[in-house]
Amino acid sequence: MSEPLPPLAGQPLPPVAGAPMSGSPGLQAPGAGTDIASLPPQSAAPAPVAPAAPASRTSMVGNWTAKDAAGGTCKVQLSSSPALDLYRASASGCASQDLTKVNAWDYRDGEVYLYQQGGAVAARLRGSSSSLTGVLAKSGAPLSLAR
């Protein structure tokens, strides 16, 4: 059996949820000369909102259509095949030289990093498993990826 521990000697009892605090002026417990109908209505605490499920590396795997600042589009594929400590990636039909050299990617701290041959970051993007927005690393030009 479990029972609450007794209070420490000389310490006040902890407050009971919903009970008026002792020593609070003007507060009385219902039934102590107060009509329950005259008490203000108590509102229920709002239900906690569940945070959006964070995206994961596996939700980013697949084919994407990249769109650069000039409006040009091309295909980017993010693979689940490991390449050392990153994952394989490829781009085709891209006008941007930064994107044509993409050969690896990674997902860290909610961001997708596209890497070029040699390990330089080509782009950094943030978003969901259906849409990513970010910038090209060298130029700072906007870049978006969509499914």
C-alpha atoms as a PDB file:
ATOM      1  CA  MET A   1       0.000   0.000   0.000  1.00  0.00           C
ATOM      2  CA  SER A   2       1.104   3.531  -0.550  1.00  0.00           C
ATOM      3  CA  GLU A   3       0.236   6.437   1.663  1.00  0.00           C
ATOM      4  CA  PRO A   4       1.344  10.066   1.581  1.00  0.00           C
ATOM      5  CA  LEU A   5       4.308  10.844   3.771  1.00  0.00           C
ATOM      6  CA  PRO A   6       3.619  12.841   6.908  1.00  0.00           C
ATOM      7  CA  PRO A   7       4.699  16.513   6.830  1.00  0.00           C
ATOM      8  CA  LEU A   8       8.086  17.445   8.198  1.00  0.00           C
ATOM      9  CA  ALA A   9       8.033  18.753  11.733  1.00  0.00           C
ATOM     10  CA  GLY A  10       7.483  22.508  11.780  1.00  0.00           C
ATOM     11  CA  GLN A  11       6.525  22.683   8.066  1.00  0.00           C
ATOM     12  CA  PRO A  12       3.060  23.720   6.880  1.00  0.00           C
ATOM     13  CA  LEU A  13       0.945  21.231   4.990  1.00  0.00           C
ATOM     14  CA  PRO A  14       1.057  21.558   1.207  1.00  0.00           C
ATOM     15  CA  PRO A  15      -2.029  23.150  -0.397  1.00  0.00           C
ATOM     16  CA  VAL A  16      -4.757  20.880  -1.700  1.00  0.00           C
ATOM     17  CA  ALA A  17      -5.712  21.475  -5.332  1.00  0.00           C
ATOM     18  CA  GLY A  18      -8.928  23.472  -5.588  1.00  0.00           C
ATOM     19  CA  ALA A  19      -9.061  24.310  -1.880  1.00  0.00           C
ATOM     20  CA  PRO A  20      -8.910  27.951  -0.739  1.00  0.00           C
ATOM     21  CA  MET A  21      -5.638  28.906   0.885  1.00  0.00           C
ATOM     22  CA  SER A  22      -5.830  29.424   4.593  1.00  0.00           C
ATOM     23  CA  GLY A  23      -5.367  33.009   5.639  1.00  0.00           C
ATOM     24  CA  SER A  24      -6.703  34.378   2.351  1.00  0.00           C
ATOM     25  CA  PRO A  25      -9.154  37.159   3.197  1.00  0.00           C
ATOM     26  CA  GLY A  26     -12.657  36.854   1.872  1.00  0.00           C
ATOM     27  CA  LEU A  27     -12.402  33.220   0.792  1.00  0.00           C
ATOM     28  CA  GLN A  28     -14.704  30.682   2.287  1.00  0.00           C
ATOM     29  CA  ALA A  29     -15.316  27.091   1.464  1.00  0.00           C
ATOM     30  CA  PRO A  30     -18.708  26.363  -0.114  1.00  0.00           C
ATOM     31  CA  GLY A  31     -21.216  25.443   2.542  1.00  0.00           C
ATOM     32  CA  ALA A  32     -19.735  27.854   5.070  1.00  0.00           C
ATOM     33  CA  GLY A  33     -22.494  30.426   4.654  1.00  0.00           C
ATOM     34  CA  THR A  34     -21.994  30.784   0.888  1.00  0.00           C
ATOM     35  CA  ASP A  35     -24.581  29.841  -1.692  1.00  0.00           C
ATOM     36  CA  ILE A  36     -22.934  27.673  -4.372  1.00  0.00           C
ATOM     37  CA  ALA A  37     -25.035  29.361  -7.077  1.00  0.00           C
ATOM     38  CA  SER A  38     -23.455  32.727  -6.191  1.00  0.00           C
ATOM     39  CA  LEU A  39     -19.910  31.481  -6.718  1.00  0.00           C
ATOM     40  CA  PRO A  40     -18.237  32.546  -9.975  1.00  0.00           C
ATOM     41  CA  PRO A  41     -18.058  29.772 -12.556  1.00  0.00           C
ATOM     42  CA  GLN A  42     -14.749  28.009 -12.764  1.00  0.00           C
ATOM     43  CA  SER A  43     -13.371  27.625 -16.241  1.00  0.00           C
ATOM     44  CA  ALA A  44     -11.651  24.428 -17.187  1.00  0.00           C
ATOM     45  CA  ALA A  45      -7.981  24.668 -18.026  1.00  0.00           C
ATOM     46  CA  PRO A  46      -7.389  24.666 -21.775  1.00  0.00           C
ATOM     47  CA  ALA A  47      -6.448  21.298 -23.166  1.00  0.00           C
ATOM     48  CA  PRO A  48      -2.729  21.087 -23.911  1.00  0.00           C
ATOM     49  CA  VAL A  49      -1.923  21.336 -27.589  1.00  0.00           C
ATOM     50  CA  ALA A  50       0.287  18.540 -28.829  1.00  0.00           C
ATOM     51  CA  PRO A  51       3.360  19.886 -30.595  1.00  0.00           C
ATOM     52  CA  ALA A  52       3.637  19.165 -34.296  1.00  0.00           C
ATOM     53  CA  ALA A  53       5.522  15.991 -34.923  1.00  0.00           C
ATOM     54  CA  PRO A  54       9.040  16.948 -35.883  1.00  0.00           C
ATOM     55  CA  ALA A  55      10.257  15.907 -39.290  1.00  0.00           C
ATOM     56  CA  SER A  56      12.883  13.201 -39.393  1.00  0.00           C
ATOM     57  CA  ARG A  57      15.683  12.204 -41.715  1.00  0.00           C
ATOM     58  CA  THR A  58      13.628   9.348 -43.120  1.00  0.00           C
ATOM     59  CA  SER A  59      10.729  11.693 -43.955  1.00  0.00           C
ATOM     60  CA  MET A  60      13.106  13.767 -46.118  1.00  0.00           C
ATOM     61  CA  VAL A  61      14.243  10.830 -48.284  1.00  0.00           C
ATOM     62  CA  GLY A  62      12.925  10.876 -51.839  1.00  0.00           C
ATOM     63  CA  ASN A  63      12.568  13.005 -54.948  1.00  0.00           C
ATOM     64  CA  TRP A  64      12.201  16.771 -54.738  1.00  0.00           C
ATOM     65  CA  THR A  65      11.715  19.568 -57.254  1.00  0.00           C
ATOM     66  CA  ALA A  66      14.079  22.453 -56.522  1.00  0.00           C
ATOM     67  CA  LYS A  67      13.182  26.022 -57.486  1.00  0.00           C
ATOM     68  CA  ASP A  68      15.821  28.754 -57.414  1.00  0.00           C
ATOM     69  CA  ALA A  69      15.457  32.546 -57.214  1.00  0.00           C
ATOM     70  CA  ALA A  70      15.441  32.902 -61.024  1.00  0.00           C
ATOM     71  CA  GLY A  71      12.466  30.535 -61.236  1.00  0.00           C
ATOM     72  CA  GLY A  72      14.483  27.662 -62.689  1.00  0.00           C
ATOM     73  CA  THR A  73      13.579  24.156 -61.563  1.00  0.00           C
ATOM     74  CA  CYS A  74      15.469  20.884 -61.390  1.00  0.00           C
ATOM     75  CA  LYS A  75      15.286  17.513 -59.650  1.00  0.00           C
ATOM     76  CA  VAL A  76      17.058  16.681 -56.385  1.00  0.00           C
ATOM     77  CA  GLN A  77      17.068  13.178 -54.943  1.00  0.00           C
ATOM     78  CA  LEU A  78      17.839  12.542 -51.278  1.00  0.00           C
ATOM     79  CA  SER A  79      18.770   8.912 -50.703  1.00  0.00           C
ATOM     80  CA  SER A  80      18.869   6.800 -47.551  1.00  0.00           C
ATOM     81  CA  SER A  81      22.147   5.206 -48.688  1.00  0.00           C
ATOM     82  CA  PRO A  82      24.993   6.178 -46.366  1.00  0.00           C
ATOM     83  CA  ALA A  83      28.047   7.997 -47.725  1.00  0.00           C
ATOM     84  CA  LEU A  84      30.547   8.080 -44.838  1.00  0.00           C
ATOM     85  CA  ASP A  85      28.783  10.143 -42.129  1.00  0.00           C
ATOM     86  CA  LEU A  86      26.290  11.687 -44.614  1.00  0.00           C
ATOM     87  CA  TYR A  87      23.733  10.298 -47.081  1.00  0.00           C
ATOM     88  CA  ARG A  88      23.882  10.192 -50.870  1.00  0.00           C
ATOM     89  CA  ALA A  89      22.168  12.878 -52.911  1.00  0.00           C
ATOM     90  CA  SER A  90      22.039  13.843 -56.577  1.00  0.00           C
ATOM     91  CA  ALA A  91      20.731  16.687 -58.688  1.00  0.00           C
ATOM     92  CA  SER A  92      19.806  16.733 -62.367  1.00  0.00           C
ATOM     93  CA  GLY A  93      18.824  19.485 -64.780  1.00  0.00           C
ATOM     94  CA  CYS A  94      19.902  22.288 -62.452  1.00  0.00           C
ATOM     95  CA  ALA A  95      21.101  25.614 -63.880  1.00  0.00           C
ATOM     96  CA  SER A  96      22.756  26.500 -60.555  1.00  0.00           C
ATOM     97  CA  GLN A  97      26.359  25.254 -60.422  1.00  0.00           C
ATOM     98  CA  ASP A  98      25.988  24.982 -56.639  1.00  0.00           C
ATOM     99  CA  LEU A  99      23.167  22.457 -57.039  1.00  0.00           C
ATOM    100  CA  THR A 100      24.724  20.475 -59.906  1.00  0.00           C
ATOM    101  CA  LYS A 101      27.618  19.538 -57.608  1.00  0.00           C
ATOM    102  CA  VAL A 102      25.391  18.224 -54.785  1.00  0.00           C
ATOM    103  CA  ASN A 103      26.339  14.663 -53.876  1.00  0.00           C
ATOM    104  CA  ALA A 104      25.437  14.292 -50.171  1.00  0.00           C
ATOM    105  CA  TRP A 105      22.972  15.510 -47.597  1.00  0.00           C
ATOM    106  CA  ASP A 106      22.216  15.360 -43.890  1.00  0.00           C
ATOM    107  CA  TYR A 107      19.373  16.250 -41.500  1.00  0.00           C
ATOM    108  CA  ARG A 108      20.399  17.965 -38.248  1.00  0.00           C
ATOM    109  CA  ASP A 109      18.467  20.068 -35.769  1.00  0.00           C
ATOM    110  CA  GLY A 110      15.429  20.329 -38.051  1.00  0.00           C
ATOM    111  CA  GLU A 111      17.444  21.439 -41.088  1.00  0.00           C
ATOM    112  CA  VAL A 112      18.430  19.724 -44.320  1.00  0.00           C
ATOM    113  CA  TYR A 113      22.006  20.388 -45.426  1.00  0.00           C
ATOM    114  CA  LEU A 114      22.979  19.742 -49.043  1.00  0.00           C
ATOM    115  CA  TYR A 115      26.706  19.121 -49.588  1.00  0.00           C
ATOM    116  CA  GLN A 116      28.887  19.453 -52.679  1.00  0.00           C
ATOM    117  CA  GLN A 117      31.790  17.262 -53.662  1.00  0.00           C
ATOM    118  CA  GLY A 118      34.615  18.077 -51.274  1.00  0.00           C
ATOM    119  CA  GLY A 119      32.283  18.557 -48.290  1.00  0.00           C
ATOM    120  CA  ALA A 120      31.278  22.213 -48.732  1.00  0.00           C
ATOM    121  CA  VAL A 121      27.690  23.087 -47.752  1.00  0.00           C
ATOM    122  CA  ALA A 122      25.735  23.949 -50.907  1.00  0.00           C
ATOM    123  CA  ALA A 123      22.421  24.831 -49.247  1.00  0.00           C
ATOM    124  CA  ARG A 124      20.628  24.834 -45.925  1.00  0.00           C
ATOM    125  CA  LEU A 125      16.850  24.323 -45.809  1.00  0.00           C
ATOM    126  CA  ARG A 126      14.098  24.076 -43.205  1.00  0.00           C
ATOM    127  CA  GLY A 127      10.484  22.947 -43.397  1.00  0.00           C
ATOM    128  CA  SER A 128       8.375  19.821 -43.505  1.00  0.00           C
ATOM    129  CA  SER A 129       8.479  16.493 -45.305  1.00  0.00           C
ATOM    130  CA  SER A 130       6.594  18.088 -48.223  1.00  0.00           C
ATOM    131  CA  SER A 131       8.162  21.540 -48.543  1.00  0.00           C
ATOM    132  CA  LEU A 132      11.562  23.009 -47.666  1.00  0.00           C
ATOM    133  CA  THR A 133      12.821  26.584 -47.954  1.00  0.00           C
ATOM    134  CA  GLY A 134      16.273  27.991 -47.439  1.00  0.00           C
ATOM    135  CA  VAL A 135      19.257  29.542 -49.179  1.00  0.00           C
ATOM    136  CA  LEU A 136      22.232  28.586 -51.278  1.00  0.00           C
ATOM    137  CA  ALA A 137      25.305  28.832 -49.063  1.00  0.00           C
ATOM    138  CA  LYS A 138      27.645  30.755 -51.387  1.00  0.00           C
ATOM    139  CA  SER A 139      25.269  33.342 -52.825  1.00  0.00           C
ATOM    140  CA  GLY A 140      22.527  33.490 -50.189  1.00  0.00           C
ATOM    141  CA  ALA A 141      19.969  33.175 -53.008  1.00  0.00           C
ATOM    142  CA  PRO A 142      16.621  31.673 -51.951  1.00  0.00           C
ATOM    143  CA  LEU A 143      15.975  28.010 -52.732  1.00  0.00           C
ATOM    144  CA  SER A 144      12.875  25.885 -52.205  1.00  0.00           C
ATOM    145  CA  LEU A 145      12.257  22.167 -52.519  1.00  0.00           C
ATOM    146  CA  ALA A 146       8.797  20.641 -52.919  1.00  0.00           C
ATOM    147  CA  ARG A 147       7.490  17.113 -53.504  1.00  0.00           C
END
